[in-house]
Amino acid sequence: MRPNGPWQALARKDLPATSLPWRALAYLVTGVVVGMVVLASLVVSLTAGAVLTVLLVGVPLLALPVVAAVPLGALERRRLRILDAEPAPSPHRPARPGPRGWLETRLREQATWRALAYAGLLAVVLGPVELVAVTYGLLVPLVMICAPISVAEAGPIVLLKFWPLDSPVEAFAAALLGVVVLLLAAYPITALATAHALLARLLLTPGKGEPGERLAELTRSRSRLVEAFEVERRRIERDLHDGAQQRLVALTMTLGLAKVSTGEEAAGLVARAHEEAKLALAEIRDLIRGIHPRILADRGLPAAVAELADRSPVPVEVDVDVPRLPGPVESVAYFVVSEGLANVAKHSGAERASVRGRLDGGLLTVEIRDDGVGGADVTAGTGLAGLADRVSAFEGRLMLSSPPGGPTLLRAEIECLPALP
C-alpha cells in the first residue's frame, strides 16, 4: 500500500518548493549515465561476440549481457532509493553453490530475463528520452537564466540559436522566463522519473503472484499482526484494570461497608453498590463491543455499519447492501469502517462522510469517503497498517487516496464467499 507516492505529489501546487523535483532530477541524471554505460557495453559485447562467434570464443560474450543484467538490476533497485524510500526487494531465489550453480539458477528465473529486458529499455529508450528531458528541462532554463551575464560580457547574442538578444533588458526578460520554465519543468521531470521508477519496480522486484514475494509478504504481515495483537491485548488488559476492575473493587468495598452497617446507612450503601455494578457492567459491554460487536454477529455488516455511522460525530451516509458473510470477513470489513470513520472524526476536519459496501461475485468492496483536508499518511500510525495486514490475510488489499486538500478515499477489497443461510 503506497498512498502518498510521487504521483500524488504531482497534484501539489508547491511541488517546485519540495525536494522531490531535485531527487527526480538526480534519478534521471544517474539514469542517463547508467543507460550510456549499458548501451556501450551492449554494443561492445554483441559486436565482439558476433565477430568472434566463428572462433567459438564469442559465445560467452553473447551470453554476457544476460549475466550482467543481474547486477544491473541490483544497482537499479538501489537507485530507486533516490526517488522512493520504500525498499525494493530482490526477486531472485538463493542460488546453488558455485559459479555453475549460480548461473543455472539465474538462467532459469523469470527475474533474470525481466532484468535483461529492462537493460535493453534503459539503453535504447529510457536513457535517450531522459537525456532529452534533462537537457531541455534543466540546461535550457539555465542558459536562459545566464543570458544577462552573456550579454554583459559578449554584447548582443543569439540565445539558443534562434532568440536574438540585443540589450540587457531583453536579457533580463529571457532570464525571468528561464526561471519560470525551470519551475514548470519540475512537473514533467517528476512525472518522467516516477514513470521510470514504476517500470523499474515492475520489472526488477518480485511480483505479487511470485512465491517468493508472497512468502516474504506473509512473513512481514504475520510479524505486524503479532505485534498488533500484542498491542490490542495490552489495551484490553489496561482497560480492564483501569475501568471495570476499579469499579468492581469499589463495589466490593461498598458492599463490605453495607454488610457492617444498619438502617438507612446500609440502604444507601446498597444503592451506591447498585450504581457501581451498573457502571461496571456498562464498561464491560463497551469493552466487548470493541472486541467483537454483538450487532455484527446478530444482524450482519449493514446493521453494524449503520450503528457506527450513528455514533460518528461527522454525518455519515451509509449504502451497504451485502448479504450475510463469513464471520471473519464481516469482522475485517467492520473494523475497516470503524477505523476509517474514527480517522475521519479525529483528523480529517470533514463535514460529511459516506460508507459504501458491495459484494460482486466473491469480492467484497468497502469504501469510506470524506470531504476533509486530506493528507492522510499510512506511515503516521499503526491503525491503517494494521488494517492492511488484516485485509491481506484474506487475499485482499487496502488502498488509500488522500491528496492534500482532499477528498480522502479508503477502499478495501476482500476475497470472500457468502455465508450459508
Protein backbone atom coordinates (compact mmCIF):
# COMPACT_ATOMS: atom_id res chain seq x y z
CA MET A 1 0.00 0.00 0.00
CA ARG A 2 1.65 3.16 -1.15
CA PRO A 3 -0.79 6.02 -0.84
CA ASN A 4 1.46 9.05 -0.84
CA GLY A 5 3.80 8.31 -3.73
CA PRO A 6 5.23 10.73 -6.29
CA TRP A 7 2.11 10.55 -8.48
CA GLN A 8 0.06 12.21 -5.74
CA ALA A 9 2.85 14.73 -5.16
CA LEU A 10 2.36 15.93 -8.74
CA ALA A 11 -1.02 17.35 -7.66
CA ARG A 12 0.66 19.64 -5.12
CA LYS A 13 0.85 23.31 -6.05
CA ASP A 14 4.08 23.72 -4.07
CA LEU A 15 5.89 20.86 -5.84
CA PRO A 16 8.78 23.08 -7.09
CA ALA A 17 9.45 24.09 -3.47
CA THR A 18 9.84 20.49 -2.28
CA SER A 19 12.84 18.19 -2.58
CA LEU A 20 11.02 15.77 -4.91
CA PRO A 21 11.92 17.52 -8.23
CA TRP A 22 15.60 17.57 -7.26
CA ARG A 23 15.50 13.89 -6.33
CA ALA A 24 13.70 13.16 -9.60
CA LEU A 25 16.37 15.12 -11.49
CA ALA A 26 19.14 13.18 -9.71
CA TYR A 27 17.36 9.94 -10.59
CA LEU A 28 17.15 10.93 -14.27
CA VAL A 29 20.74 12.17 -14.48
CA THR A 30 22.12 8.98 -12.94
CA GLY A 31 19.79 7.02 -15.21
CA VAL A 32 21.29 8.72 -18.25
CA VAL A 33 24.80 7.81 -17.08
CA VAL A 34 23.85 4.19 -16.38
CA GLY A 35 22.00 3.99 -19.70
CA MET A 36 25.03 5.22 -21.65
CA VAL A 37 27.28 2.67 -19.91
CA VAL A 38 24.79 -0.13 -20.58
CA LEU A 39 24.40 0.90 -24.23
CA ALA A 40 28.17 0.97 -24.75
CA SER A 41 28.56 -2.40 -23.02
CA LEU A 42 25.81 -3.97 -25.11
CA VAL A 43 27.27 -2.68 -28.36
CA VAL A 44 30.78 -3.88 -27.48
CA SER A 45 29.76 -7.31 -26.20
CA LEU A 46 27.31 -8.04 -29.02
CA THR A 47 29.66 -6.81 -31.73
CA ALA A 48 32.66 -8.68 -30.34
CA GLY A 49 30.54 -11.77 -29.77
CA ALA A 50 29.19 -11.75 -33.32
CA VAL A 51 32.66 -11.27 -34.82
CA LEU A 52 34.30 -13.96 -32.68
CA THR A 53 31.48 -16.49 -32.89
CA VAL A 54 33.20 -18.19 -35.84
CA LEU A 55 36.08 -18.99 -33.48
CA LEU A 56 33.66 -20.15 -30.73
CA VAL A 57 35.26 -17.55 -28.47
CA GLY A 58 32.41 -15.11 -28.88
CA VAL A 59 29.67 -17.35 -27.48
CA PRO A 60 30.39 -16.36 -23.85
CA LEU A 61 30.41 -12.71 -24.94
CA LEU A 62 26.92 -13.11 -26.38
CA ALA A 63 25.75 -14.51 -23.03
CA LEU A 64 27.47 -11.72 -21.06
CA PRO A 65 24.51 -9.27 -21.23
CA VAL A 66 22.23 -11.91 -19.66
CA VAL A 67 24.63 -12.41 -16.75
CA ALA A 68 25.32 -8.67 -16.38
CA ALA A 69 21.58 -7.94 -16.17
CA VAL A 70 21.54 -9.37 -12.62
CA PRO A 71 23.98 -6.85 -11.04
CA LEU A 72 22.41 -4.12 -13.15
CA GLY A 73 19.05 -4.97 -11.58
CA ALA A 74 20.61 -4.77 -8.12
CA LEU A 75 22.08 -1.35 -8.98
CA GLU A 76 18.72 -0.09 -10.24
CA ARG A 77 16.94 -1.30 -7.11
CA ARG A 78 19.42 0.69 -5.05
CA ARG A 79 18.99 3.71 -7.31
CA LEU A 80 15.24 3.66 -6.60
CA ARG A 81 16.07 4.91 -3.11
CA ILE A 82 16.88 8.29 -4.63
CA LEU A 83 13.24 8.79 -5.53
CA ASP A 84 11.34 6.46 -3.24
CA ALA A 85 12.29 5.50 0.30
CA GLU A 86 10.34 2.24 0.12
CA PRO A 87 12.76 -0.69 -0.12
CA ALA A 88 12.90 -2.66 -3.37
CA PRO A 89 13.33 -6.37 -2.61
CA SER A 90 15.25 -8.67 -4.90
CA PRO A 91 13.17 -11.12 -6.98
CA HIS A 92 15.98 -13.69 -7.22
CA ARG A 93 15.97 -17.01 -5.39
CA PRO A 94 19.02 -18.19 -3.43
CA ALA A 95 21.44 -19.72 -5.92
CA ARG A 96 23.05 -23.12 -5.76
CA PRO A 97 26.70 -23.22 -4.62
CA GLY A 98 29.44 -22.48 -7.11
CA PRO A 99 29.57 -20.38 -10.29
CA ARG A 100 27.83 -23.05 -12.35
CA GLY A 101 25.03 -23.42 -9.79
CA TRP A 102 24.60 -19.63 -9.69
CA LEU A 103 24.45 -19.41 -13.48
CA GLU A 104 21.96 -22.27 -13.81
CA THR A 105 19.71 -20.78 -11.13
CA ARG A 106 19.73 -17.33 -12.69
CA LEU A 107 19.12 -18.54 -16.25
CA ARG A 108 16.03 -20.45 -15.11
CA GLU A 109 14.48 -17.44 -13.38
CA GLN A 110 11.99 -15.08 -14.99
CA ALA A 111 13.51 -12.27 -12.94
CA THR A 112 16.79 -12.53 -14.86
CA TRP A 113 15.07 -12.16 -18.22
CA ARG A 114 12.98 -9.29 -16.94
CA ALA A 115 16.21 -7.60 -15.85
CA LEU A 116 17.63 -8.15 -19.35
CA ALA A 117 14.53 -6.57 -20.88
CA TYR A 118 14.92 -3.61 -18.52
CA ALA A 119 18.58 -3.25 -19.55
CA GLY A 120 17.54 -3.06 -23.19
CA LEU A 121 14.85 -0.48 -22.44
CA LEU A 122 17.27 1.58 -20.36
CA ALA A 123 19.90 1.61 -23.09
CA VAL A 124 17.66 2.16 -26.13
CA VAL A 125 14.58 4.02 -24.90
CA LEU A 126 14.76 5.36 -21.34
CA GLY A 127 18.29 6.70 -21.47
CA PRO A 128 17.86 8.80 -24.66
CA VAL A 129 14.43 10.08 -23.58
CA GLU A 130 15.74 11.11 -20.17
CA LEU A 131 18.79 12.75 -21.77
CA VAL A 132 16.46 14.94 -23.84
CA ALA A 133 14.31 15.66 -20.77
CA VAL A 134 17.30 16.70 -18.66
CA THR A 135 18.71 18.80 -21.49
CA TYR A 136 15.52 20.75 -22.15
CA GLY A 137 14.23 20.71 -18.59
CA LEU A 138 17.42 21.87 -16.88
CA LEU A 139 20.13 23.05 -19.25
CA VAL A 140 17.92 25.22 -21.46
CA PRO A 141 16.42 27.16 -18.50
CA LEU A 142 19.91 27.60 -17.00
CA VAL A 143 21.21 29.01 -20.28
CA MET A 144 18.28 31.45 -20.32
CA ILE A 145 18.93 32.46 -16.70
CA CYS A 146 22.59 33.18 -17.53
CA ALA A 147 21.64 35.39 -20.52
CA PRO A 148 22.33 38.71 -18.71
CA ILE A 149 25.88 37.58 -17.93
CA SER A 150 26.46 36.55 -21.53
CA VAL A 151 25.14 39.85 -22.89
CA ALA A 152 27.23 41.83 -20.40
CA GLU A 153 30.41 40.05 -21.43
CA ALA A 154 29.92 39.45 -25.16
CA GLY A 155 27.35 42.02 -26.22
CA PRO A 156 24.36 41.04 -28.41
CA ILE A 157 23.95 37.26 -28.69
CA VAL A 158 21.60 34.75 -30.28
CA LEU A 159 20.23 32.73 -27.39
CA LEU A 160 19.66 29.04 -28.13
CA LYS A 161 20.46 29.78 -31.81
CA PHE A 162 17.06 31.37 -32.50
CA TRP A 163 16.45 34.19 -29.99
CA PRO A 164 18.47 37.38 -30.62
CA LEU A 165 19.18 39.43 -27.51
CA ASP A 166 20.42 42.93 -28.26
CA SER A 167 20.07 44.67 -24.89
CA PRO A 168 20.30 43.97 -21.13
CA VAL A 169 16.53 44.45 -20.83
CA GLU A 170 15.89 41.62 -23.28
CA ALA A 171 18.49 39.50 -21.49
CA PHE A 172 16.79 40.02 -18.11
CA ALA A 173 13.43 39.16 -19.69
CA ALA A 174 14.96 35.94 -21.01
CA ALA A 175 16.36 35.20 -17.54
CA LEU A 176 12.95 35.74 -15.94
CA LEU A 177 11.36 33.43 -18.47
CA GLY A 178 14.09 30.88 -17.73
CA VAL A 179 13.15 30.91 -14.04
CA VAL A 180 9.50 30.28 -14.95
CA VAL A 181 10.45 27.43 -17.31
CA LEU A 182 12.70 25.91 -14.64
CA LEU A 183 9.84 25.93 -12.11
CA LEU A 184 7.38 24.46 -14.60
CA ALA A 185 9.88 21.79 -15.63
CA ALA A 186 9.62 20.30 -12.14
CA TYR A 187 6.33 18.67 -13.09
CA PRO A 188 7.32 16.79 -16.27
CA ILE A 189 10.70 15.84 -14.77
CA THR A 190 8.99 14.39 -11.68
CA ALA A 191 6.40 12.60 -13.82
CA LEU A 192 9.06 11.05 -16.06
CA ALA A 193 11.17 9.93 -13.10
CA THR A 194 8.09 8.45 -11.41
CA ALA A 195 7.14 6.53 -14.55
CA HIS A 196 10.70 5.18 -14.84
CA ALA A 197 10.66 4.13 -11.17
CA LEU A 198 7.32 2.35 -11.59
CA LEU A 199 8.65 0.47 -14.62
CA ALA A 200 11.79 -0.48 -12.68
CA ARG A 201 9.73 -1.80 -9.80
CA LEU A 202 7.52 -3.72 -12.20
CA LEU A 203 10.46 -5.47 -13.89
CA LEU A 204 13.07 -5.66 -11.14
CA THR A 205 11.10 -6.50 -7.99
CA PRO A 206 9.04 -9.59 -7.16
CA GLY A 207 5.51 -9.64 -8.48
CA LYS A 208 2.64 -10.26 -6.09
CA GLY A 209 1.97 -13.61 -7.69
CA GLU A 210 5.52 -14.88 -7.28
CA PRO A 211 6.02 -17.38 -4.46
CA GLY A 212 9.00 -15.56 -3.02
CA GLU A 213 7.18 -12.27 -2.74
CA ARG A 214 4.07 -13.90 -1.38
CA LEU A 215 6.10 -15.71 1.28
CA ALA A 216 8.00 -12.55 2.18
CA GLU A 217 4.79 -10.54 2.41
CA LEU A 218 3.13 -13.21 4.54
CA THR A 219 6.13 -13.19 6.86
CA ARG A 220 6.08 -9.41 7.18
CA SER A 221 2.31 -9.41 7.61
CA ARG A 222 2.47 -12.10 10.28
CA SER A 223 5.06 -10.12 12.23
CA ARG A 224 2.93 -6.99 12.07
CA LEU A 225 -0.21 -8.92 13.06
CA VAL A 226 1.55 -10.48 16.06
CA GLU A 227 2.68 -7.02 17.14
CA ALA A 228 -0.82 -5.60 16.59
CA PHE A 229 -2.44 -8.39 18.56
CA GLU A 230 0.03 -7.84 21.40
CA VAL A 231 -0.82 -4.13 21.44
CA GLU A 232 -4.53 -4.99 21.43
CA ARG A 233 -4.03 -7.46 24.29
CA ARG A 234 -2.29 -4.81 26.37
CA ARG A 235 -5.06 -2.34 25.57
CA ILE A 236 -7.74 -4.76 26.76
CA GLU A 237 -5.71 -5.53 29.88
CA ARG A 238 -5.30 -1.82 30.60
CA ASP A 239 -8.99 -1.09 30.03
CA LEU A 240 -9.98 -3.94 32.37
CA HIS A 241 -7.50 -2.80 35.03
CA ASP A 242 -8.31 0.91 34.86
CA GLY A 243 -12.04 0.56 34.26
CA ALA A 244 -14.06 -2.49 35.17
CA GLN A 245 -11.61 -3.78 37.81
CA GLN A 246 -11.65 -0.47 39.67
CA ARG A 247 -15.42 -0.42 39.53
CA LEU A 248 -15.58 -3.94 40.93
CA VAL A 249 -13.11 -3.07 43.71
CA ALA A 250 -15.26 -0.09 44.66
CA LEU A 251 -18.34 -2.30 44.51
CA THR A 252 -16.71 -4.85 46.84
CA MET A 253 -15.72 -2.17 49.33
CA THR A 254 -19.19 -0.63 49.26
CA LEU A 255 -20.86 -4.00 49.86
CA GLY A 256 -18.41 -4.65 52.70
CA LEU A 257 -19.40 -1.39 54.34
CA ALA A 258 -23.08 -2.17 53.80
CA LYS A 259 -22.57 -5.54 55.50
CA VAL A 260 -21.47 -3.90 58.76
CA SER A 261 -23.94 -1.00 58.56
CA THR A 262 -27.58 -0.83 59.57
CA GLY A 263 -30.68 1.16 58.77
CA GLU A 264 -30.67 3.99 56.27
CA GLU A 265 -26.87 3.95 56.01
CA ALA A 266 -26.93 0.33 54.83
CA ALA A 267 -29.70 1.09 52.34
CA GLY A 268 -27.71 3.99 50.92
CA LEU A 269 -24.61 1.86 50.58
CA VAL A 270 -26.59 -0.86 48.79
CA ALA A 271 -28.00 1.73 46.37
CA ARG A 272 -24.50 3.04 45.78
CA ALA A 273 -23.25 -0.50 45.16
CA HIS A 274 -26.08 -1.00 42.67
CA GLU A 275 -24.94 2.06 40.71
CA GLU A 276 -21.33 0.85 40.76
CA ALA A 277 -22.45 -2.52 39.43
CA LYS A 278 -24.34 -0.88 36.56
CA LEU A 279 -21.32 1.24 35.66
CA ALA A 280 -19.01 -1.78 35.71
CA LEU A 281 -21.45 -3.71 33.51
CA ALA A 282 -21.61 -0.79 31.04
CA GLU A 283 -17.81 -0.61 30.84
CA ILE A 284 -17.54 -4.36 30.24
CA ARG A 285 -20.17 -4.11 27.50
CA ASP A 286 -18.25 -1.30 25.81
CA LEU A 287 -15.07 -3.34 26.00
CA ILE A 288 -16.76 -6.40 24.49
CA ARG A 289 -18.26 -4.22 21.75
CA GLY A 290 -14.75 -3.06 20.83
CA ILE A 291 -13.55 -6.66 20.53
CA HIS A 292 -16.49 -8.00 18.52
CA PRO A 293 -19.77 -6.06 18.45
CA ARG A 294 -22.88 -8.07 19.23
CA ILE A 295 -24.89 -6.42 16.48
CA LEU A 296 -22.38 -7.65 13.89
CA ALA A 297 -22.90 -11.27 14.95
CA ASP A 298 -26.68 -10.91 15.23
CA ARG A 299 -27.68 -8.73 12.26
CA GLY A 300 -24.68 -8.59 9.93
CA LEU A 301 -22.47 -5.95 8.38
CA PRO A 302 -25.15 -3.41 7.17
CA ALA A 303 -26.67 -3.01 10.64
CA ALA A 304 -23.25 -2.84 12.33
CA VAL A 305 -22.03 -0.14 9.91
CA ALA A 306 -25.27 1.81 10.44
CA GLU A 307 -24.63 1.75 14.20
CA LEU A 308 -21.07 3.03 13.63
CA ALA A 309 -22.46 5.86 11.49
CA ASP A 310 -24.98 6.79 14.21
CA ARG A 311 -22.19 7.09 16.77
CA SER A 312 -19.94 9.17 14.48
CA PRO A 313 -19.78 12.92 15.25
CA VAL A 314 -19.48 13.54 11.48
CA PRO A 315 -22.69 12.95 9.45
CA VAL A 316 -22.26 9.68 7.55
CA GLU A 317 -24.29 8.42 4.61
CA VAL A 318 -24.47 4.61 4.62
CA ASP A 319 -25.04 2.50 1.50
CA VAL A 320 -24.07 -1.07 2.41
CA ASP A 321 -26.00 -3.72 0.52
CA VAL A 322 -24.43 -7.12 1.18
CA PRO A 323 -25.81 -10.47 2.40
CA ARG A 324 -24.57 -12.34 5.45
CA LEU A 325 -20.90 -13.19 5.01
CA PRO A 326 -18.47 -15.43 6.89
CA GLY A 327 -17.83 -14.08 10.38
CA PRO A 328 -14.12 -13.30 9.90
CA VAL A 329 -14.85 -11.39 6.68
CA GLU A 330 -17.59 -9.34 8.34
CA SER A 331 -15.26 -8.61 11.24
CA VAL A 332 -12.47 -7.36 8.96
CA ALA A 333 -14.88 -5.16 6.97
CA TYR A 334 -16.38 -3.80 10.19
CA PHE A 335 -13.02 -2.78 11.62
CA VAL A 336 -12.03 -1.17 8.30
CA VAL A 337 -15.14 1.02 8.53
CA SER A 338 -14.62 1.63 12.25
CA GLU A 339 -11.01 2.76 11.81
CA GLY A 340 -11.90 4.80 8.73
CA LEU A 341 -14.70 6.70 10.47
CA ALA A 342 -12.54 7.19 13.57
CA ASN A 343 -9.84 8.80 11.40
CA VAL A 344 -12.46 10.97 9.71
CA ALA A 345 -13.65 12.22 13.11
CA LYS A 346 -10.16 12.77 14.54
CA HIS A 347 -8.05 14.08 11.68
CA SER A 348 -9.94 15.00 8.52
CA GLY A 349 -11.94 18.07 9.52
CA ALA A 350 -14.64 16.75 7.19
CA GLU A 351 -18.25 17.95 7.17
CA ARG A 352 -19.66 14.80 5.62
CA ALA A 353 -18.61 11.21 5.01
CA SER A 354 -20.04 8.17 3.28
CA VAL A 355 -19.68 4.40 3.52
CA ARG A 356 -20.46 2.13 0.60
CA GLY A 357 -20.29 -1.66 0.52
CA ARG A 358 -20.96 -4.10 -2.30
CA LEU A 359 -20.40 -7.79 -2.98
CA ASP A 360 -19.51 -8.54 -6.61
CA GLY A 361 -19.08 -12.24 -7.12
CA GLY A 362 -16.62 -13.27 -4.44
CA LEU A 363 -15.15 -9.78 -3.89
CA LEU A 364 -16.40 -7.58 -1.05
CA THR A 365 -15.65 -3.90 -1.64
CA VAL A 366 -15.95 -1.33 1.16
CA GLU A 367 -15.29 2.38 0.58
CA ILE A 368 -15.12 5.22 3.10
CA ARG A 369 -15.09 8.74 1.63
CA ASP A 370 -14.92 12.16 3.28
CA ASP A 371 -14.65 15.77 2.15
CA GLY A 372 -11.91 16.69 4.60
CA VAL A 373 -8.48 18.24 4.21
CA GLY A 374 -6.78 15.04 3.02
CA GLY A 375 -3.11 14.34 3.53
CA ALA A 376 -3.67 11.04 5.34
CA ASP A 377 -0.45 9.06 5.70
CA VAL A 378 -0.42 5.33 6.29
CA THR A 379 3.01 5.59 7.96
CA ALA A 380 1.86 8.11 10.57
CA GLY A 381 0.31 5.47 12.84
CA THR A 382 -0.42 1.80 13.28
CA GLY A 383 -4.17 1.83 12.60
CA LEU A 384 -4.17 1.72 8.81
CA ALA A 385 -1.11 -0.54 8.67
CA GLY A 386 -2.90 -2.99 10.95
CA LEU A 387 -5.99 -2.87 8.75
CA ALA A 388 -3.87 -3.58 5.67
CA ASP A 389 -2.49 -6.68 7.38
CA ARG A 390 -5.98 -7.86 8.36
CA VAL A 391 -7.19 -7.41 4.79
CA SER A 392 -4.14 -9.09 3.24
CA ALA A 393 -4.85 -12.18 5.34
CA PHE A 394 -7.97 -12.67 3.17
CA GLU A 395 -6.13 -12.23 -0.15
CA GLY A 396 -7.42 -8.66 -0.24
CA ARG A 397 -5.88 -5.23 -0.44
CA LEU A 398 -6.34 -1.83 1.18
CA MET A 399 -5.97 1.33 -0.89
CA LEU A 400 -5.80 4.93 0.30
CA SER A 401 -6.11 8.07 -1.82
CA SER A 402 -5.70 11.25 0.20
CA PRO A 403 -4.12 14.15 -1.72
CA PRO A 404 -3.56 17.40 0.21
CA GLY A 405 -6.81 19.33 0.17
CA GLY A 406 -8.88 16.15 -0.07
CA PRO A 407 -11.04 14.30 -0.66
CA THR A 408 -9.95 11.07 1.04
CA LEU A 409 -10.97 7.60 -0.13
CA LEU A 410 -10.20 4.43 1.84
CA ARG A 411 -11.07 1.30 -0.15
CA ALA A 412 -10.83 -2.31 0.98
CA GLU A 413 -11.25 -5.29 -1.34
CA ILE A 414 -11.69 -8.63 0.44
CA GLU A 415 -11.97 -12.02 -1.18
CA CYS A 416 -14.89 -13.97 0.27
CA LEU A 417 -17.92 -16.15 -0.39
CA PRO A 418 -21.38 -15.51 1.05
CA ALA A 419 -22.12 -17.43 4.22
CA LEU A 420 -24.62 -20.26 4.10
CA PRO A 421 -28.09 -19.29 5.38
